Amino acid sequence: MPVMRASDEWEVELGRQIRSLRLRQDLDQQQLADQAGIALNAVKNLERGKGATLRSLIQVLRVLNRVDWLRALAPPVSISPVQMLKTKGPRQRASPRQPKTKKS
């Protein structure tokens, strides 16, 4: 069974990944902040795992071409087959078969 991470561990890991993406795209923190339309301190806090607003995270992920991360966080909601069965009424019995009649 996988071990659950604490929220602060997720923030640090996410910050590391964002920093790595930024460096791969050869951007400094100020450039990322400018392109994302957020403050430099927001980028610094995000990369250090010290908290950031959801808006800042979204803006940074857009600049870094990682909108797919957002889709993974918020997949379309669908009803599971088990839930569908629970919401259905009781199953109806099929009609009894009618005896075949011979045609003349």
Protein backbone atom coordinates (compact mmCIF):
# COMPACT_ATOMS: atom_id res chain seq x y z
CA MET A 1 0.00 0.00 0.00
CA PRO A 2 1.49 3.39 -0.96
CA VAL A 3 2.39 5.78 1.83
CA MET A 4 0.38 9.00 1.84
CA ARG A 5 2.44 12.16 1.59
CA ALA A 6 1.77 15.13 3.80
CA SER A 7 0.62 18.34 2.13
CA ASP A 8 3.94 20.08 2.74
CA GLU A 9 5.79 17.20 1.09
CA TRP A 10 3.59 17.56 -2.00
CA GLU A 11 4.27 21.29 -2.07
CA VAL A 12 8.04 20.73 -1.92
CA GLU A 13 7.91 18.07 -4.64
CA LEU A 14 5.75 20.21 -6.88
CA GLY A 15 8.12 23.13 -6.32
CA ARG A 16 11.11 21.00 -7.34
CA GLN A 17 9.38 19.92 -10.52
CA ILE A 18 8.37 23.46 -11.43
CA ARG A 19 11.93 24.67 -10.86
CA SER A 20 13.26 21.87 -13.04
CA LEU A 21 10.80 22.73 -15.83
CA ARG A 22 11.71 26.41 -15.61
CA LEU A 23 15.42 25.68 -15.88
CA ARG A 24 14.89 23.31 -18.83
CA GLN A 25 13.15 26.15 -20.63
CA ASP A 26 16.09 28.42 -19.79
CA LEU A 27 13.97 30.90 -17.83
CA ASP A 28 15.01 32.71 -14.68
CA GLN A 29 12.47 33.27 -11.93
CA GLN A 30 11.81 36.88 -12.95
CA GLN A 31 11.11 35.90 -16.56
CA LEU A 32 8.69 33.21 -15.42
CA ALA A 33 6.95 35.66 -13.09
CA ASP A 34 6.65 38.25 -15.87
CA GLN A 35 5.29 35.77 -18.40
CA ALA A 36 2.85 34.33 -15.85
CA GLY A 37 1.73 37.79 -14.72
CA ILE A 38 2.53 37.10 -11.08
CA ALA A 39 4.99 38.49 -8.53
CA LEU A 40 8.56 37.22 -8.29
CA ASN A 41 7.94 36.22 -4.67
CA ALA A 42 5.04 34.01 -5.81
CA VAL A 43 7.43 32.06 -8.07
CA LYS A 44 10.02 31.81 -5.30
CA ASN A 45 7.43 30.57 -2.80
CA LEU A 46 6.04 28.10 -5.29
CA GLU A 47 9.47 26.63 -6.05
CA ARG A 48 10.36 26.39 -2.35
CA GLY A 49 7.09 24.66 -1.51
CA LYS A 50 6.15 27.52 0.78
CA GLY A 51 2.66 27.91 -0.55
CA ALA A 52 1.16 29.85 -3.39
CA THR A 53 -2.27 30.68 -4.63
CA LEU A 54 -4.07 28.38 -7.00
CA ARG A 55 -4.10 31.22 -9.53
CA SER A 56 -0.29 31.50 -9.37
CA LEU A 57 0.10 27.76 -9.85
CA ILE A 58 -2.24 27.78 -12.85
CA GLN A 59 -0.46 30.75 -14.46
CA VAL A 60 2.97 29.16 -13.98
CA LEU A 61 1.82 25.81 -15.37
CA ARG A 62 0.43 27.55 -18.44
CA VAL A 63 3.74 29.31 -19.12
CA LEU A 64 5.62 26.03 -18.64
CA ASN A 65 3.23 24.21 -21.01
CA ARG A 66 1.99 21.88 -18.29
CA VAL A 67 -1.76 22.40 -18.50
CA ASP A 68 -1.97 18.60 -18.58
CA TRP A 69 -1.10 18.66 -14.87
CA LEU A 70 -4.27 20.64 -14.26
CA ARG A 71 -6.30 18.13 -16.23
CA ALA A 72 -4.86 15.37 -14.06
CA LEU A 73 -5.88 17.27 -10.93
CA ALA A 74 -9.41 17.85 -12.15
CA PRO A 75 -10.48 15.04 -14.47
CA PRO A 76 -14.02 15.11 -15.84
CA VAL A 77 -16.48 13.73 -13.34
CA SER A 78 -18.28 10.62 -14.43
CA ILE A 79 -20.51 8.13 -12.71
CA SER A 80 -18.88 4.81 -12.02
CA PRO A 81 -20.63 1.64 -13.18
CA VAL A 82 -21.07 0.62 -9.54
CA GLN A 83 -22.74 3.96 -8.75
CA MET A 84 -25.04 3.54 -11.76
CA LEU A 85 -26.16 0.17 -10.42
CA LYS A 86 -26.85 1.66 -7.01
CA THR A 87 -29.04 4.41 -8.44
CA LYS A 88 -31.03 2.08 -10.71
CA GLY A 89 -34.30 0.65 -9.54
CA PRO A 90 -34.73 -3.07 -8.97
CA ARG A 91 -34.13 -5.19 -12.03
CA GLN A 92 -37.23 -6.28 -13.88
CA ARG A 93 -37.74 -9.90 -14.81
CA ALA A 94 -37.97 -10.69 -18.46
CA SER A 95 -41.43 -11.59 -19.72
CA PRO A 96 -42.06 -15.31 -19.85
CA ARG A 97 -41.71 -16.75 -23.31
CA GLN A 98 -44.93 -17.29 -25.18
CA PRO A 99 -45.37 -20.77 -26.57
CA LYS A 100 -44.84 -20.89 -30.29
CA THR A 101 -47.97 -21.47 -32.27
CA LYS A 102 -47.93 -23.36 -35.49
CA LYS A 103 -48.99 -21.42 -38.50
CA SER A 104 -51.35 -23.17 -40.87
